């Protein structure tokens, strides 16, 4: 399992549109991705679960990527998250 943390820079936090973009990105990946906030983990493919975490600006979220080529996938996801969230 490969993990990385991310501080949410978007002043609006992770609203529905960003959550949708994130879920779509993760759905394209063959690896399993979990999103964790305050020790609550959800499947990062699930739009409603992401929104349910109520992620606000300056929150620190963690991604857990597992599966084949997880390190490469984590780097790709990290870049995506830094550019959008």
PDB file of N, CA and C in Angstrom:
ATOM      1  N   UNK A   1       0.846  -1.178   0.000  1.00  0.00           N
ATOM      2  CA  UNK A   1       0.000   0.000   0.000  1.00  0.00           C
ATOM      3  C   UNK A   1       0.893   1.243   0.000  1.00  0.00           C
ATOM      4  N   UNK A   2       0.577   2.183  -0.860  1.00  0.00           N
ATOM      5  CA  UNK A   2       1.292   3.447  -0.937  1.00  0.00           C
ATOM      6  C   UNK A   2       0.347   4.544  -0.478  1.00  0.00           C
ATOM      7  N   UNK A   3       0.846   5.416   0.406  1.00  0.00           N
ATOM      8  CA  UNK A   3       0.002   6.473   0.965  1.00  0.00           C
ATOM      9  C   UNK A   3       0.649   7.836   0.746  1.00  0.00           C
ATOM     10  N   UNK A   4      -0.195   8.855   0.643  1.00  0.00           N
ATOM     11  CA  UNK A   4       0.298  10.227   0.645  1.00  0.00           C
ATOM     12  C   UNK A   4      -0.774  11.143   1.226  1.00  0.00           C
ATOM     13  N   UNK A   5      -0.315  12.232   1.823  1.00  0.00           N
ATOM     14  CA  UNK A   5      -1.202  13.230   2.405  1.00  0.00           C
ATOM     15  C   UNK A   5      -1.306  14.426   1.470  1.00  0.00           C
ATOM     16  N   UNK A   6      -2.416  15.137   1.598  1.00  0.00           N
ATOM     17  CA  UNK A   6      -2.623  16.336   0.787  1.00  0.00           C
ATOM     18  C   UNK A   6      -3.394  17.360   1.607  1.00  0.00           C
ATOM     19  N   UNK A   7      -2.902  18.592   1.617  1.00  0.00           N
ATOM     20  CA  UNK A   7      -3.635  19.690   2.257  1.00  0.00           C
ATOM     21  C   UNK A   7      -4.530  20.332   1.198  1.00  0.00           C
ATOM     22  N   UNK A   8      -5.809  20.427   1.484  1.00  0.00           N
ATOM     23  CA  UNK A   8      -6.789  20.974   0.541  1.00  0.00           C
ATOM     24  C   UNK A   8      -6.575  22.481   0.418  1.00  0.00           C
ATOM     25  N   UNK A   9      -6.261  22.917  -0.785  1.00  0.00           N
ATOM     26  CA  UNK A   9      -5.970  24.327  -1.032  1.00  0.00           C
ATOM     27  C   UNK A   9      -7.178  25.097  -1.575  1.00  0.00           C
ATOM     28  N   UNK A  10      -8.141  24.402  -2.144  1.00  0.00           N
ATOM     29  CA  UNK A  10      -9.312  25.069  -2.703  1.00  0.00           C
ATOM     30  C   UNK A  10     -10.079  25.757  -1.577  1.00  0.00           C
ATOM     31  N   UNK A  11     -10.320  27.062  -1.681  1.00  0.00           N
ATOM     32  CA  UNK A  11     -11.014  27.780  -0.604  1.00  0.00           C
ATOM     33  C   UNK A  11     -12.436  27.270  -0.326  1.00  0.00           C
ATOM     34  N   UNK A  12     -13.022  26.585  -1.310  1.00  0.00           N
ATOM     35  CA  UNK A  12     -14.363  26.033  -1.133  1.00  0.00           C
ATOM     36  C   UNK A  12     -14.337  24.594  -0.632  1.00  0.00           C
ATOM     37  N   UNK A  13     -13.147  24.050  -0.417  1.00  0.00           N
ATOM     38  CA  UNK A  13     -13.042  22.662   0.005  1.00  0.00           C
ATOM     39  C   UNK A  13     -13.328  21.729  -1.165  1.00  0.00           C
ATOM     40  N   UNK A  14     -13.690  20.501  -0.843  1.00  0.00           N
ATOM     41  CA  UNK A  14     -14.001  19.523  -1.895  1.00  0.00           C
ATOM     42  C   UNK A  14     -15.515  19.498  -2.077  1.00  0.00           C
ATOM     43  N   UNK A  15     -15.987  20.344  -2.968  1.00  0.00           N
ATOM     44  CA  UNK A  15     -17.415  20.417  -3.273  1.00  0.00           C
ATOM     45  C   UNK A  15     -17.772  19.330  -4.289  1.00  0.00           C
ATOM     46  N   UNK A  16     -19.026  19.263  -4.656  1.00  0.00           N
ATOM     47  CA  UNK A  16     -19.522  18.170  -5.504  1.00  0.00           C
ATOM     48  C   UNK A  16     -18.775  18.056  -6.838  1.00  0.00           C
ATOM     49  N   UNK A  17     -18.472  19.178  -7.478  1.00  0.00           N
ATOM     50  CA  UNK A  17     -17.797  19.118  -8.774  1.00  0.00           C
ATOM     51  C   UNK A  17     -16.396  18.519  -8.626  1.00  0.00           C
ATOM     52  N   UNK A  18     -15.651  18.971  -7.620  1.00  0.00           N
ATOM     53  CA  UNK A  18     -14.305  18.412  -7.403  1.00  0.00           C
ATOM     54  C   UNK A  18     -14.380  16.947  -7.002  1.00  0.00           C
ATOM     55  N   UNK A  19     -15.337  16.621  -6.167  1.00  0.00           N
ATOM     56  CA  UNK A  19     -15.505  15.223  -5.754  1.00  0.00           C
ATOM     57  C   UNK A  19     -15.809  14.352  -6.963  1.00  0.00           C
ATOM     58  N   UNK A  20     -16.616  14.852  -7.876  1.00  0.00           N
ATOM     59  CA  UNK A  20     -16.955  14.124  -9.086  1.00  0.00           C
ATOM     60  C   UNK A  20     -15.716  13.908  -9.957  1.00  0.00           C
ATOM     61  N   UNK A  21     -14.898  14.949 -10.114  1.00  0.00           N
ATOM     62  CA  UNK A  21     -13.673  14.833 -10.902  1.00  0.00           C
ATOM     63  C   UNK A  21     -12.721  13.818 -10.278  1.00  0.00           C
ATOM     64  N   UNK A  22     -12.604  13.860  -8.964  1.00  0.00           N
ATOM     65  CA  UNK A  22     -11.728  12.921  -8.265  1.00  0.00           C
ATOM     66  C   UNK A  22     -12.227  11.487  -8.424  1.00  0.00           C
ATOM     67  N   UNK A  23     -13.521  11.277  -8.225  1.00  0.00           N
ATOM     68  CA  UNK A  23     -14.091   9.932  -8.356  1.00  0.00           C
ATOM     69  C   UNK A  23     -13.897   9.394  -9.771  1.00  0.00           C
ATOM     70  N   UNK A  24     -14.095  10.237 -10.776  1.00  0.00           N
ATOM     71  CA  UNK A  24     -13.907   9.802 -12.165  1.00  0.00           C
ATOM     72  C   UNK A  24     -12.451   9.439 -12.439  1.00  0.00           C
ATOM     73  N   UNK A  25     -11.521  10.221 -11.899  1.00  0.00           N
ATOM     74  CA  UNK A  25     -10.098   9.915 -12.076  1.00  0.00           C
ATOM     75  C   UNK A  25      -9.766   8.557 -11.464  1.00  0.00           C
ATOM     76  N   UNK A  26     -10.258   8.309 -10.258  1.00  0.00           N
ATOM     77  CA  UNK A  26      -9.969   7.058  -9.562  1.00  0.00           C
ATOM     78  C   UNK A  26     -10.613   5.870 -10.282  1.00  0.00           C
ATOM     79  N   UNK A  27     -11.789   6.064 -10.837  1.00  0.00           N
ATOM     80  CA  UNK A  27     -12.467   4.978 -11.563  1.00  0.00           C
ATOM     81  C   UNK A  27     -11.654   4.508 -12.770  1.00  0.00           C
ATOM     82  N   UNK A  28     -10.846   5.393 -13.325  1.00  0.00           N
ATOM     83  CA  UNK A  28     -10.018   5.042 -14.481  1.00  0.00           C
ATOM     84  C   UNK A  28      -8.790   4.227 -14.084  1.00  0.00           C
ATOM     85  N   UNK A  29      -8.511   4.151 -12.793  1.00  0.00           N
ATOM     86  CA  UNK A  29      -7.317   3.457 -12.308  1.00  0.00           C
ATOM     87  C   UNK A  29      -7.664   2.019 -11.917  1.00  0.00           C
ATOM     88  N   UNK A  30      -6.811   1.054 -12.259  1.00  0.00           N
ATOM     89  CA  UNK A  30      -7.087  -0.334 -11.869  1.00  0.00           C
ATOM     90  C   UNK A  30      -6.804  -0.602 -10.386  1.00  0.00           C
ATOM     91  N   UNK A  31      -6.098   0.307  -9.722  1.00  0.00           N
ATOM     92  CA  UNK A  31      -5.775   0.130  -8.314  1.00  0.00           C
ATOM     93  C   UNK A  31      -6.971   0.498  -7.427  1.00  0.00           C
ATOM     94  N   UNK A  32      -6.908   0.040  -6.190  1.00  0.00           N
ATOM     95  CA  UNK A  32      -7.906   0.405  -5.183  1.00  0.00           C
ATOM     96  C   UNK A  32      -7.415   1.660  -4.478  1.00  0.00           C
ATOM     97  N   UNK A  33      -8.297   2.665  -4.365  1.00  0.00           N
ATOM     98  CA  UNK A  33      -7.907   3.921  -3.730  1.00  0.00           C
ATOM     99  C   UNK A  33      -8.903   4.245  -2.625  1.00  0.00           C
ATOM    100  N   UNK A  34      -8.363   4.480  -1.429  1.00  0.00           N
ATOM    101  CA  UNK A  34      -9.179   4.934  -0.312  1.00  0.00           C
ATOM    102  C   UNK A  34      -8.810   6.375   0.005  1.00  0.00           C
ATOM    103  N   UNK A  35      -9.806   7.144   0.413  1.00  0.00           N
ATOM    104  CA  UNK A  35      -9.611   8.523   0.840  1.00  0.00           C
ATOM    105  C   UNK A  35      -9.928   8.571   2.329  1.00  0.00           C
ATOM    106  N   UNK A  36      -9.021   9.136   3.119  1.00  0.00           N
ATOM    107  CA  UNK A  36      -9.171   9.143   4.570  1.00  0.00           C
ATOM    108  C   UNK A  36      -9.155  10.575   5.082  1.00  0.00           C
ATOM    109  N   UNK A  37     -10.129  10.883   5.939  1.00  0.00           N
ATOM    110  CA  UNK A  37     -10.163  12.164   6.653  1.00  0.00           C
ATOM    111  C   UNK A  37     -10.618  11.872   8.075  1.00  0.00           C
ATOM    112  N   UNK A  38      -9.855  12.357   9.020  1.00  0.00           N
ATOM    113  CA  UNK A  38     -10.184  12.162  10.440  1.00  0.00           C
ATOM    114  C   UNK A  38     -10.455  10.696  10.764  1.00  0.00           C
ATOM    115  N   UNK A  39      -9.597   9.828  10.283  1.00  0.00           N
ATOM    116  CA  UNK A  39      -9.655   8.380  10.522  1.00  0.00           C
ATOM    117  C   UNK A  39     -10.861   7.680   9.892  1.00  0.00           C
ATOM    118  N   UNK A  40     -11.622   8.397   9.063  1.00  0.00           N
ATOM    119  CA  UNK A  40     -12.741   7.773   8.352  1.00  0.00           C
ATOM    120  C   UNK A  40     -12.303   7.542   6.906  1.00  0.00           C
ATOM    121  N   UNK A  41     -12.317   6.281   6.494  1.00  0.00           N
ATOM    122  CA  UNK A  41     -11.876   5.915   5.147  1.00  0.00           C
ATOM    123  C   UNK A  41     -13.071   5.593   4.266  1.00  0.00           C
ATOM    124  N   UNK A  42     -13.022   6.091   3.029  1.00  0.00           N
ATOM    125  CA  UNK A  42     -14.073   5.797   2.055  1.00  0.00           C
ATOM    126  C   UNK A  42     -13.427   5.387   0.734  1.00  0.00           C
ATOM    127  N   UNK A  43     -14.197   4.710  -0.090  1.00  0.00           N
ATOM    128  CA  UNK A  43     -13.763   4.346  -1.437  1.00  0.00           C
ATOM    129  C   UNK A  43     -13.742   5.631  -2.268  1.00  0.00           C
ATOM    130  N   UNK A  44     -12.593   5.958  -2.837  1.00  0.00           N
ATOM    131  CA  UNK A  44     -12.452   7.199  -3.595  1.00  0.00           C
ATOM    132  C   UNK A  44     -13.170   7.178  -4.939  1.00  0.00           C
ATOM    133  N   UNK A  45     -13.809   6.063  -5.290  1.00  0.00           N
ATOM    134  CA  UNK A  45     -14.639   6.015  -6.496  1.00  0.00           C
ATOM    135  C   UNK A  45     -16.066   6.474  -6.202  1.00  0.00           C
ATOM    136  N   UNK A  46     -16.405   6.584  -4.937  1.00  0.00           N
ATOM    137  CA  UNK A  46     -17.773   6.865  -4.527  1.00  0.00           C
ATOM    138  C   UNK A  46     -17.966   8.365  -4.284  1.00  0.00           C
ATOM    139  N   UNK A  47     -18.626   9.023  -5.215  1.00  0.00           N
ATOM    140  CA  UNK A  47     -18.858  10.464  -5.143  1.00  0.00           C
ATOM    141  C   UNK A  47     -19.541  10.868  -3.839  1.00  0.00           C
ATOM    142  N   UNK A  48     -20.612  10.188  -3.484  1.00  0.00           N
ATOM    143  CA  UNK A  48     -21.359  10.561  -2.275  1.00  0.00           C
ATOM    144  C   UNK A  48     -20.534  10.353  -1.008  1.00  0.00           C
ATOM    145  N   UNK A  49     -19.708   9.322  -0.999  1.00  0.00           N
ATOM    146  CA  UNK A  49     -18.851   9.080   0.165  1.00  0.00           C
ATOM    147  C   UNK A  49     -17.826  10.202   0.318  1.00  0.00           C
ATOM    148  N   UNK A  50     -17.274  10.665  -0.806  1.00  0.00           N
ATOM    149  CA  UNK A  50     -16.306  11.768  -0.755  1.00  0.00           C
ATOM    150  C   UNK A  50     -16.981  13.026  -0.224  1.00  0.00           C
ATOM    151  N   UNK A  51     -18.125  13.365  -0.776  1.00  0.00           N
ATOM    152  CA  UNK A  51     -18.860  14.550  -0.316  1.00  0.00           C
ATOM    153  C   UNK A  51     -19.219  14.411   1.160  1.00  0.00           C
ATOM    154  N   UNK A  52     -19.549  13.198   1.582  1.00  0.00           N
ATOM    155  CA  UNK A  52     -19.922  12.941   2.970  1.00  0.00           C
ATOM    156  C   UNK A  52     -18.807  13.176   3.970  1.00  0.00           C
ATOM    157  N   UNK A  53     -17.569  13.234   3.501  1.00  0.00           N
ATOM    158  CA  UNK A  53     -16.453  13.518   4.407  1.00  0.00           C
ATOM    159  C   UNK A  53     -16.391  14.997   4.803  1.00  0.00           C
ATOM    160  N   UNK A  54     -17.146  15.835   4.100  1.00  0.00           N
ATOM    161  CA  UNK A  54     -17.196  17.282   4.394  1.00  0.00           C
ATOM    162  C   UNK A  54     -15.792  17.883   4.457  1.00  0.00           C
ATOM    163  N   UNK A  55     -15.051  17.722   3.395  1.00  0.00           N
ATOM    164  CA  UNK A  55     -13.666  18.190   3.342  1.00  0.00           C
ATOM    165  C   UNK A  55     -13.659  19.689   3.056  1.00  0.00           C
ATOM    166  N   UNK A  56     -13.019  20.431   3.962  1.00  0.00           N
ATOM    167  CA  UNK A  56     -12.966  21.885   3.858  1.00  0.00           C
ATOM    168  C   UNK A  56     -11.552  22.344   3.518  1.00  0.00           C
ATOM    169  N   UNK A  57     -11.433  23.619   3.172  1.00  0.00           N
ATOM    170  CA  UNK A  57     -10.123  24.198   2.888  1.00  0.00           C
ATOM    171  C   UNK A  57      -9.215  24.006   4.094  1.00  0.00           C
ATOM    172  N   UNK A  58      -7.975  23.695   3.835  1.00  0.00           N
ATOM    173  CA  UNK A  58      -6.923  23.493   4.837  1.00  0.00           C
ATOM    174  C   UNK A  58      -6.996  22.147   5.559  1.00  0.00           C
ATOM    175  N   UNK A  59      -8.004  21.330   5.269  1.00  0.00           N
ATOM    176  CA  UNK A  59      -8.044  19.972   5.838  1.00  0.00           C
ATOM    177  C   UNK A  59      -6.925  19.151   5.213  1.00  0.00           C
ATOM    178  N   UNK A  60      -6.412  18.217   5.984  1.00  0.00           N
ATOM    179  CA  UNK A  60      -5.418  17.287   5.454  1.00  0.00           C
ATOM    180  C   UNK A  60      -6.113  15.953   5.226  1.00  0.00           C
ATOM    181  N   UNK A  61      -6.047  15.492   3.987  1.00  0.00           N
ATOM    182  CA  UNK A  61      -6.650  14.215   3.622  1.00  0.00           C
ATOM    183  C   UNK A  61      -5.532  13.260   3.214  1.00  0.00           C
ATOM    184  N   UNK A  62      -5.820  11.977   3.328  1.00  0.00           N
ATOM    185  CA  UNK A  62      -4.819  10.970   2.991  1.00  0.00           C
ATOM    186  C   UNK A  62      -5.386  10.037   1.926  1.00  0.00           C
ATOM    187  N   UNK A  63      -4.532   9.665   1.004  1.00  0.00           N
ATOM    188  CA  UNK A  63      -4.897   8.696  -0.024  1.00  0.00           C
ATOM    189  C   UNK A  63      -4.104   7.425   0.210  1.00  0.00           C
ATOM    190  N   UNK A  64      -4.782   6.283   0.106  1.00  0.00           N
ATOM    191  CA  UNK A  64      -4.148   4.977   0.214  1.00  0.00           C
ATOM    192  C   UNK A  64      -4.396   4.234  -1.090  1.00  0.00           C
ATOM    193  N   UNK A  65      -3.324   3.919  -1.777  1.00  0.00           N
ATOM    194  CA  UNK A  65      -3.409   3.266  -3.084  1.00  0.00           C
ATOM    195  C   UNK A  65      -2.820   1.866  -2.958  1.00  0.00           C
ATOM    196  N   UNK A  66      -3.576   0.866  -3.407  1.00  0.00           N
ATOM    197  CA  UNK A  66      -3.054  -0.499  -3.360  1.00  0.00           C
ATOM    198  C   UNK A  66      -3.374  -1.224  -4.660  1.00  0.00           C
ATOM    199  N   UNK A  67      -2.498  -2.130  -5.019  1.00  0.00           N
ATOM    200  CA  UNK A  67      -2.654  -2.894  -6.249  1.00  0.00           C
ATOM    201  C   UNK A  67      -1.364  -2.882  -7.039  1.00  0.00           C
ATOM    202  N   UNK A  68      -1.413  -3.468  -8.224  1.00  0.00           N
ATOM    203  CA  UNK A  68      -0.225  -3.505  -9.070  1.00  0.00           C
ATOM    204  C   UNK A  68       0.183  -2.093  -9.472  1.00  0.00           C
ATOM    205  N   UNK A  69       1.475  -1.845  -9.483  1.00  0.00           N
ATOM    206  CA  UNK A  69       2.044  -0.545  -9.851  1.00  0.00           C
ATOM    207  C   UNK A  69       1.451   0.593  -9.027  1.00  0.00           C
ATOM    208  N   UNK A  70       1.243   0.331  -7.729  1.00  0.00           N
ATOM    209  CA  UNK A  70       0.604   1.319  -6.866  1.00  0.00           C
ATOM    210  C   UNK A  70       1.434   2.587  -6.683  1.00  0.00           C
ATOM    211  N   UNK A  71       2.753   2.458  -6.662  1.00  0.00           N
ATOM    212  CA  UNK A  71       3.580   3.645  -6.473  1.00  0.00           C
ATOM    213  C   UNK A  71       3.448   4.605  -7.647  1.00  0.00           C
ATOM    214  N   UNK A  72       3.453   4.062  -8.850  1.00  0.00           N
ATOM    215  CA  UNK A  72       3.286   4.888 -10.045  1.00  0.00           C
ATOM    216  C   UNK A  72       1.891   5.524 -10.061  1.00  0.00           C
ATOM    217  N   UNK A  73       0.886   4.748  -9.699  1.00  0.00           N
ATOM    218  CA  UNK A  73      -0.485   5.266  -9.659  1.00  0.00           C
ATOM    219  C   UNK A  73      -0.626   6.347  -8.604  1.00  0.00           C
ATOM    220  N   UNK A  74       0.015   6.162  -7.454  1.00  0.00           N
ATOM    221  CA  UNK A  74      -0.047   7.158  -6.389  1.00  0.00           C
ATOM    222  C   UNK A  74       0.573   8.477  -6.841  1.00  0.00           C
ATOM    223  N   UNK A  75       1.688   8.407  -7.566  1.00  0.00           N
ATOM    224  CA  UNK A  75       2.325   9.625  -8.079  1.00  0.00           C
ATOM    225  C   UNK A  75       1.408  10.348  -9.071  1.00  0.00           C
ATOM    226  N   UNK A  76       0.776   9.578  -9.938  1.00  0.00           N
ATOM    227  CA  UNK A  76      -0.152  10.165 -10.918  1.00  0.00           C
ATOM    228  C   UNK A  76      -1.341  10.820 -10.200  1.00  0.00           C
ATOM    229  N   UNK A  77      -1.874  10.132  -9.216  1.00  0.00           N
ATOM    230  CA  UNK A  77      -3.006  10.668  -8.458  1.00  0.00           C
ATOM    231  C   UNK A  77      -2.594  11.898  -7.653  1.00  0.00           C
ATOM    232  N   UNK A  78      -1.408  11.856  -7.081  1.00  0.00           N
ATOM    233  CA  UNK A  78      -0.902  12.986  -6.299  1.00  0.00           C
ATOM    234  C   UNK A  78      -0.813  14.238  -7.169  1.00  0.00           C
ATOM    235  N   UNK A  79      -0.292  14.084  -8.380  1.00  0.00           N
ATOM    236  CA  UNK A  79      -0.187  15.215  -9.303  1.00  0.00           C
ATOM    237  C   UNK A  79      -1.577  15.759  -9.641  1.00  0.00           C
ATOM    238  N   UNK A  80      -2.512  14.869  -9.925  1.00  0.00           N
ATOM    239  CA  UNK A  80      -3.890  15.268 -10.234  1.00  0.00           C
ATOM    240  C   UNK A  80      -4.503  16.045  -9.063  1.00  0.00           C
ATOM    241  N   UNK A  81      -4.331  15.522  -7.865  1.00  0.00           N
ATOM    242  CA  UNK A  81      -4.918  16.144  -6.673  1.00  0.00           C
ATOM    243  C   UNK A  81      -4.298  17.522  -6.419  1.00  0.00           C
ATOM    244  N   UNK A  82      -3.000  17.638  -6.589  1.00  0.00           N
ATOM    245  CA  UNK A  82      -2.337  18.925  -6.374  1.00  0.00           C
ATOM    246  C   UNK A  82      -2.825  19.984  -7.360  1.00  0.00           C
ATOM    247  N   UNK A  83      -3.166  19.567  -8.558  1.00  0.00           N
ATOM    248  CA  UNK A  83      -3.627  20.512  -9.580  1.00  0.00           C
ATOM    249  C   UNK A  83      -5.106  20.866  -9.439  1.00  0.00           C
ATOM    250  N   UNK A  84      -5.903  19.997  -8.821  1.00  0.00           N
ATOM    251  CA  UNK A  84      -7.342  20.239  -8.800  1.00  0.00           C
ATOM    252  C   UNK A  84      -7.939  20.481  -7.411  1.00  0.00           C
ATOM    253  N   UNK A  85      -7.389  19.852  -6.397  1.00  0.00           N
ATOM    254  CA  UNK A  85      -7.974  19.958  -5.058  1.00  0.00           C
ATOM    255  C   UNK A  85      -7.084  20.850  -4.239  1.00  0.00           C
TER     256      UNK A  85
END
